[in-house]
Amino acid sequence: MPRARHPDALDGNNGYQKNIRDEVRALYVHSHLNIPQISDRLNLPTRTIHRYRANARKDGDDWEDARLSALVAGQGYQAAVSQVLEGLLKQSQCVMQAINEDETLDPEKKMSMLAQLAYSMNMARKAAEGLNPKISKLTVALEVLNLLTRHIRDEHPEHAAAFLDILQPFGTELRRRYA
């Protein structure tokens, strides 16, 4: 069965009216709805919404930038950055736990995976560095952990298993103290 169109949808010459495009943008930017959700709410085809976003970007209105700006304005920049970093730390903790619980991995492979995780955390930290005093302290802590992880992996691989046992609860302490 064909989909019912939005009541104000067509203006005859230009496709959907400007007020519909503005409503789509507002739902995307300020309500943080995704394109399928907007499509369902307004009875518009998803391809139309994708076209609106692409055309707006060509005209200098990047909806992703506007969405981030709206988030920052609503929460404050430091709160938004802290929220993103907290989510990253929580996910990193889940990854560490999964690595620790996988008995099929040998300690050297686990250390390699942890080094990759530490590298990813370091890149995220660098992106947010200096925006929040707690982030600066977390920066130093993560850098030290990254260096220690590499040192143990390269110089003392026989201690990798014990290090992994210590690192898990210590990561929780770092998150509690600095995140």
C-alpha atoms as a PDB file:
ATOM      1  CA  MET A   1       0.000   0.000   0.000  1.00  0.00           C
ATOM      2  CA  PRO A   2       1.461   3.415  -0.923  1.00  0.00           C
ATOM      3  CA  ARG A   3       2.622   5.590   1.882  1.00  0.00           C
ATOM      4  CA  ALA A   4       0.502   8.618   2.822  1.00  0.00           C
ATOM      5  CA  ARG A   5       2.293  11.883   2.113  1.00  0.00           C
ATOM      6  CA  HIS A   6       2.763  14.654   4.621  1.00  0.00           C
ATOM      7  CA  PRO A   7      -0.261  17.016   4.277  1.00  0.00           C
ATOM      8  CA  ASP A   8       1.911  20.027   3.410  1.00  0.00           C
ATOM      9  CA  ALA A   9       4.256  18.022   1.278  1.00  0.00           C
ATOM     10  CA  LEU A  10       4.242  19.261  -2.280  1.00  0.00           C
ATOM     11  CA  ASP A  11       4.317  22.856  -3.450  1.00  0.00           C
ATOM     12  CA  GLY A  12       4.057  22.032  -7.153  1.00  0.00           C
ATOM     13  CA  ASN A  13       7.371  23.358  -8.442  1.00  0.00           C
ATOM     14  CA  ASN A  14      10.070  22.760  -5.859  1.00  0.00           C
ATOM     15  CA  GLY A  15       9.066  19.436  -4.347  1.00  0.00           C
ATOM     16  CA  TYR A  16       8.482  19.645  -0.618  1.00  0.00           C
ATOM     17  CA  GLN A  17       7.854  23.053   0.870  1.00  0.00           C
ATOM     18  CA  LYS A  18      10.575  24.876   2.751  1.00  0.00           C
ATOM     19  CA  ASN A  19       8.722  24.514   6.057  1.00  0.00           C
ATOM     20  CA  ILE A  20       8.883  20.719   5.665  1.00  0.00           C
ATOM     21  CA  ARG A  21      12.646  20.869   4.991  1.00  0.00           C
ATOM     22  CA  ASP A  22      13.034  23.086   8.060  1.00  0.00           C
ATOM     23  CA  GLU A  23      10.999  20.645  10.158  1.00  0.00           C
ATOM     24  CA  VAL A  24      13.144  17.724   8.967  1.00  0.00           C
ATOM     25  CA  ARG A  25      16.322  19.628   9.856  1.00  0.00           C
ATOM     26  CA  ALA A  26      14.981  20.556  13.306  1.00  0.00           C
ATOM     27  CA  LEU A  27      14.073  16.944  14.083  1.00  0.00           C
ATOM     28  CA  TYR A  28      17.516  15.802  12.971  1.00  0.00           C
ATOM     29  CA  VAL A  29      19.555  18.532  14.657  1.00  0.00           C
ATOM     30  CA  HIS A  30      17.633  19.371  17.823  1.00  0.00           C
ATOM     31  CA  SER A  31      15.636  16.220  18.547  1.00  0.00           C
ATOM     32  CA  HIS A  32      18.501  13.908  17.553  1.00  0.00           C
ATOM     33  CA  LEU A  33      16.194  11.667  15.531  1.00  0.00           C
ATOM     34  CA  ASN A  34      17.730   9.492  12.844  1.00  0.00           C
ATOM     35  CA  ILE A  35      16.534   9.552   9.237  1.00  0.00           C
ATOM     36  CA  PRO A  36      14.216   6.501   9.461  1.00  0.00           C
ATOM     37  CA  GLN A  37      12.575   7.988  12.570  1.00  0.00           C
ATOM     38  CA  ILE A  38      12.012  11.304  10.790  1.00  0.00           C
ATOM     39  CA  SER A  39      10.678   9.462   7.758  1.00  0.00           C
ATOM     40  CA  ASP A  40       8.137   7.623   9.916  1.00  0.00           C
ATOM     41  CA  ARG A  41       7.136  10.719  11.842  1.00  0.00           C
ATOM     42  CA  LEU A  42       6.605  12.952   8.791  1.00  0.00           C
ATOM     43  CA  ASN A  43       5.619  10.321   6.221  1.00  0.00           C
ATOM     44  CA  LEU A  44       8.489  11.310   3.936  1.00  0.00           C
ATOM     45  CA  PRO A  45      10.697   8.967   1.923  1.00  0.00           C
ATOM     46  CA  THR A  46      14.129   8.429   3.484  1.00  0.00           C
ATOM     47  CA  ARG A  47      15.795   9.221   0.152  1.00  0.00           C
ATOM     48  CA  THR A  48      14.161  12.670   0.258  1.00  0.00           C
ATOM     49  CA  ILE A  49      15.573  13.319   3.736  1.00  0.00           C
ATOM     50  CA  HIS A  50      19.030  12.163   2.618  1.00  0.00           C
ATOM     51  CA  ARG A  51      18.754  14.553  -0.354  1.00  0.00           C
ATOM     52  CA  TYR A  52      17.776  17.444   1.947  1.00  0.00           C
ATOM     53  CA  ARG A  53      20.814  16.804   4.123  1.00  0.00           C
ATOM     54  CA  ALA A  54      23.160  16.509   1.123  1.00  0.00           C
ATOM     55  CA  ASN A  55      21.804  19.683  -0.492  1.00  0.00           C
ATOM     56  CA  ALA A  56      22.073  21.579   2.787  1.00  0.00           C
ATOM     57  CA  ARG A  57      25.712  20.456   3.135  1.00  0.00           C
ATOM     58  CA  LYS A  58      26.432  21.732  -0.395  1.00  0.00           C
ATOM     59  CA  ASP A  59      24.916  25.070   0.661  1.00  0.00           C
ATOM     60  CA  GLY A  60      27.170  25.245   3.737  1.00  0.00           C
ATOM     61  CA  ASP A  61      24.695  23.887   6.311  1.00  0.00           C
ATOM     62  CA  ASP A  62      26.236  20.683   7.659  1.00  0.00           C
ATOM     63  CA  TRP A  63      23.544  19.037   9.778  1.00  0.00           C
ATOM     64  CA  GLU A  64      26.136  16.928  11.632  1.00  0.00           C
ATOM     65  CA  ASP A  65      28.008  20.060  12.745  1.00  0.00           C
ATOM     66  CA  ALA A  66      24.732  21.712  13.701  1.00  0.00           C
ATOM     67  CA  ARG A  67      23.686  18.634  15.677  1.00  0.00           C
ATOM     68  CA  LEU A  68      26.979  18.651  17.606  1.00  0.00           C
ATOM     69  CA  SER A  69      26.663  22.381  18.233  1.00  0.00           C
ATOM     70  CA  ALA A  70      23.149  21.890  19.574  1.00  0.00           C
ATOM     71  CA  LEU A  71      24.384  19.151  21.900  1.00  0.00           C
ATOM     72  CA  VAL A  72      27.230  21.336  23.135  1.00  0.00           C
ATOM     73  CA  ALA A  73      24.945  24.333  23.609  1.00  0.00           C
ATOM     74  CA  GLY A  74      22.489  22.252  25.586  1.00  0.00           C
ATOM     75  CA  GLN A  75      25.039  20.585  27.878  1.00  0.00           C
ATOM     76  CA  GLY A  76      28.065  22.807  27.699  1.00  0.00           C
ATOM     77  CA  TYR A  77      31.182  21.837  25.794  1.00  0.00           C
ATOM     78  CA  GLN A  78      33.068  20.289  28.692  1.00  0.00           C
ATOM     79  CA  ALA A  79      30.051  18.229  29.719  1.00  0.00           C
ATOM     80  CA  ALA A  80      29.616  16.953  26.148  1.00  0.00           C
ATOM     81  CA  VAL A  81      33.304  16.019  25.869  1.00  0.00           C
ATOM     82  CA  SER A  82      33.246  14.390  29.301  1.00  0.00           C
ATOM     83  CA  GLN A  83      30.165  12.392  28.319  1.00  0.00           C
ATOM     84  CA  VAL A  84      31.861  11.107  25.163  1.00  0.00           C
ATOM     85  CA  LEU A  85      35.033  10.184  27.053  1.00  0.00           C
ATOM     86  CA  GLU A  86      33.059   8.467  29.793  1.00  0.00           C
ATOM     87  CA  GLY A  87      31.307   6.349  27.172  1.00  0.00           C
ATOM     88  CA  LEU A  88      34.650   5.492  25.611  1.00  0.00           C
ATOM     89  CA  LEU A  89      36.076   4.496  28.987  1.00  0.00           C
ATOM     90  CA  LYS A  90      33.076   2.277  29.712  1.00  0.00           C
ATOM     91  CA  GLN A  91      33.422   0.560  26.348  1.00  0.00           C
ATOM     92  CA  SER A  92      37.156   0.153  26.870  1.00  0.00           C
ATOM     93  CA  GLN A  93      36.477  -1.475  30.210  1.00  0.00           C
ATOM     94  CA  CYS A  94      34.082  -3.930  28.516  1.00  0.00           C
ATOM     95  CA  VAL A  95      36.746  -4.741  25.922  1.00  0.00           C
ATOM     96  CA  MET A  96      39.331  -5.286  28.660  1.00  0.00           C
ATOM     97  CA  GLN A  97      36.966  -7.609  30.478  1.00  0.00           C
ATOM     98  CA  ALA A  98      36.276  -9.576  27.287  1.00  0.00           C
ATOM     99  CA  ILE A  99      40.021  -9.907  26.668  1.00  0.00           C
ATOM    100  CA  ASN A 100      40.589 -11.100  30.224  1.00  0.00           C
ATOM    101  CA  GLU A 101      37.785 -13.648  30.042  1.00  0.00           C
ATOM    102  CA  ASP A 102      38.816 -15.152  26.692  1.00  0.00           C
ATOM    103  CA  GLU A 103      40.883 -18.142  27.735  1.00  0.00           C
ATOM    104  CA  THR A 104      41.750 -18.987  24.134  1.00  0.00           C
ATOM    105  CA  LEU A 105      44.066 -15.966  23.876  1.00  0.00           C
ATOM    106  CA  ASP A 106      47.641 -16.309  25.021  1.00  0.00           C
ATOM    107  CA  PRO A 107      49.092 -13.515  27.220  1.00  0.00           C
ATOM    108  CA  GLU A 108      51.171 -12.067  24.370  1.00  0.00           C
ATOM    109  CA  LYS A 109      48.093 -11.709  22.139  1.00  0.00           C
ATOM    110  CA  LYS A 110      46.170 -10.155  25.035  1.00  0.00           C
ATOM    111  CA  MET A 111      48.958  -7.626  25.570  1.00  0.00           C
ATOM    112  CA  SER A 112      48.941  -6.766  21.878  1.00  0.00           C
ATOM    113  CA  MET A 113      45.186  -6.211  21.974  1.00  0.00           C
ATOM    114  CA  LEU A 114      45.511  -4.075  25.095  1.00  0.00           C
ATOM    115  CA  ALA A 115      48.224  -2.014  23.426  1.00  0.00           C
ATOM    116  CA  GLN A 116      45.834  -1.349  20.525  1.00  0.00           C
ATOM    117  CA  LEU A 117      43.125  -0.371  22.981  1.00  0.00           C
ATOM    118  CA  ALA A 118      45.534   1.953  24.786  1.00  0.00           C
ATOM    119  CA  TYR A 119      46.498   3.524  21.460  1.00  0.00           C
ATOM    120  CA  SER A 120      42.831   4.173  20.626  1.00  0.00           C
ATOM    121  CA  MET A 121      42.253   5.689  24.036  1.00  0.00           C
ATOM    122  CA  ASN A 122      45.310   7.870  23.584  1.00  0.00           C
ATOM    123  CA  MET A 123      44.006   9.198  20.254  1.00  0.00           C
ATOM    124  CA  ALA A 124      40.637  10.041  21.798  1.00  0.00           C
ATOM    125  CA  ARG A 125      42.353  11.692  24.715  1.00  0.00           C
ATOM    126  CA  LYS A 126      44.490  13.834  22.432  1.00  0.00           C
ATOM    127  CA  ALA A 127      41.362  14.999  20.645  1.00  0.00           C
ATOM    128  CA  ALA A 128      39.872  16.225  23.927  1.00  0.00           C
ATOM    129  CA  GLU A 129      43.075  17.345  25.665  1.00  0.00           C
ATOM    130  CA  GLY A 130      43.017  20.608  27.522  1.00  0.00           C
ATOM    131  CA  LEU A 131      39.240  21.036  27.503  1.00  0.00           C
ATOM    132  CA  ASN A 132      38.712  19.931  31.065  1.00  0.00           C
ATOM    133  CA  PRO A 133      41.151  19.835  34.027  1.00  0.00           C
ATOM    134  CA  LYS A 134      40.135  16.259  34.831  1.00  0.00           C
ATOM    135  CA  ILE A 135      40.839  15.268  31.251  1.00  0.00           C
ATOM    136  CA  SER A 136      44.383  16.603  31.625  1.00  0.00           C
ATOM    137  CA  LYS A 137      44.942  14.350  34.660  1.00  0.00           C
ATOM    138  CA  LEU A 138      43.396  11.445  32.823  1.00  0.00           C
ATOM    139  CA  THR A 139      45.730  12.214  29.933  1.00  0.00           C
ATOM    140  CA  VAL A 140      48.788  11.644  32.095  1.00  0.00           C
ATOM    141  CA  ALA A 141      47.316   8.505  33.664  1.00  0.00           C
ATOM    142  CA  LEU A 142      46.458   6.976  30.283  1.00  0.00           C
ATOM    143  CA  GLU A 143      49.838   7.854  28.835  1.00  0.00           C
ATOM    144  CA  VAL A 144      51.595   6.172  31.755  1.00  0.00           C
ATOM    145  CA  LEU A 145      49.395   3.076  31.374  1.00  0.00           C
ATOM    146  CA  ASN A 146      50.108   2.988  27.655  1.00  0.00           C
ATOM    147  CA  LEU A 147      53.853   3.189  28.246  1.00  0.00           C
ATOM    148  CA  LEU A 148      53.724   0.545  30.960  1.00  0.00           C
ATOM    149  CA  THR A 149      51.645  -1.792  28.779  1.00  0.00           C
ATOM    150  CA  ARG A 150      54.153  -1.520  25.922  1.00  0.00           C
ATOM    151  CA  HIS A 151      57.092  -1.924  28.276  1.00  0.00           C
ATOM    152  CA  ILE A 152      55.692  -5.111  29.809  1.00  0.00           C
ATOM    153  CA  ARG A 153      54.737  -6.476  26.388  1.00  0.00           C
ATOM    154  CA  ASP A 154      58.185  -5.809  24.916  1.00  0.00           C
ATOM    155  CA  GLU A 155      60.524  -6.315  27.872  1.00  0.00           C
ATOM    156  CA  HIS A 156      58.744  -8.643  30.307  1.00  0.00           C
ATOM    157  CA  PRO A 157      56.158 -10.732  28.424  1.00  0.00           C
ATOM    158  CA  GLU A 158      56.339 -13.381  31.163  1.00  0.00           C
ATOM    159  CA  HIS A 159      54.553 -10.894  33.458  1.00  0.00           C
ATOM    160  CA  ALA A 160      51.731 -10.126  31.002  1.00  0.00           C
ATOM    161  CA  ALA A 161      49.161 -12.369  32.697  1.00  0.00           C
ATOM    162  CA  ALA A 162      49.778 -10.845  36.138  1.00  0.00           C
ATOM    163  CA  PHE A 163      49.639  -7.343  34.643  1.00  0.00           C
ATOM    164  CA  LEU A 164      46.261  -8.098  33.079  1.00  0.00           C
ATOM    165  CA  ASP A 165      44.935  -9.232  36.471  1.00  0.00           C
ATOM    166  CA  ILE A 166      46.053  -5.929  38.012  1.00  0.00           C
ATOM    167  CA  LEU A 167      45.007  -3.695  35.134  1.00  0.00           C
ATOM    168  CA  GLN A 168      41.286  -4.544  35.217  1.00  0.00           C
ATOM    169  CA  PRO A 169      40.515  -3.260  38.735  1.00  0.00           C
ATOM    170  CA  PHE A 170      42.995  -0.427  38.329  1.00  0.00           C
ATOM    171  CA  GLY A 171      41.150   0.754  35.204  1.00  0.00           C
ATOM    172  CA  THR A 172      37.990   0.974  37.289  1.00  0.00           C
ATOM    173  CA  GLU A 173      39.832   3.118  39.837  1.00  0.00           C
ATOM    174  CA  LEU A 174      41.130   5.456  37.117  1.00  0.00           C
ATOM    175  CA  ARG A 175      37.649   5.887  35.694  1.00  0.00           C
ATOM    176  CA  ARG A 176      36.207   6.599  39.146  1.00  0.00           C
ATOM    177  CA  ARG A 177      38.871   9.127  39.974  1.00  0.00           C
ATOM    178  CA  TYR A 178      39.315  11.029  36.690  1.00  0.00           C
ATOM    179  CA  ALA A 179      36.256  10.499  34.490  1.00  0.00           C
END
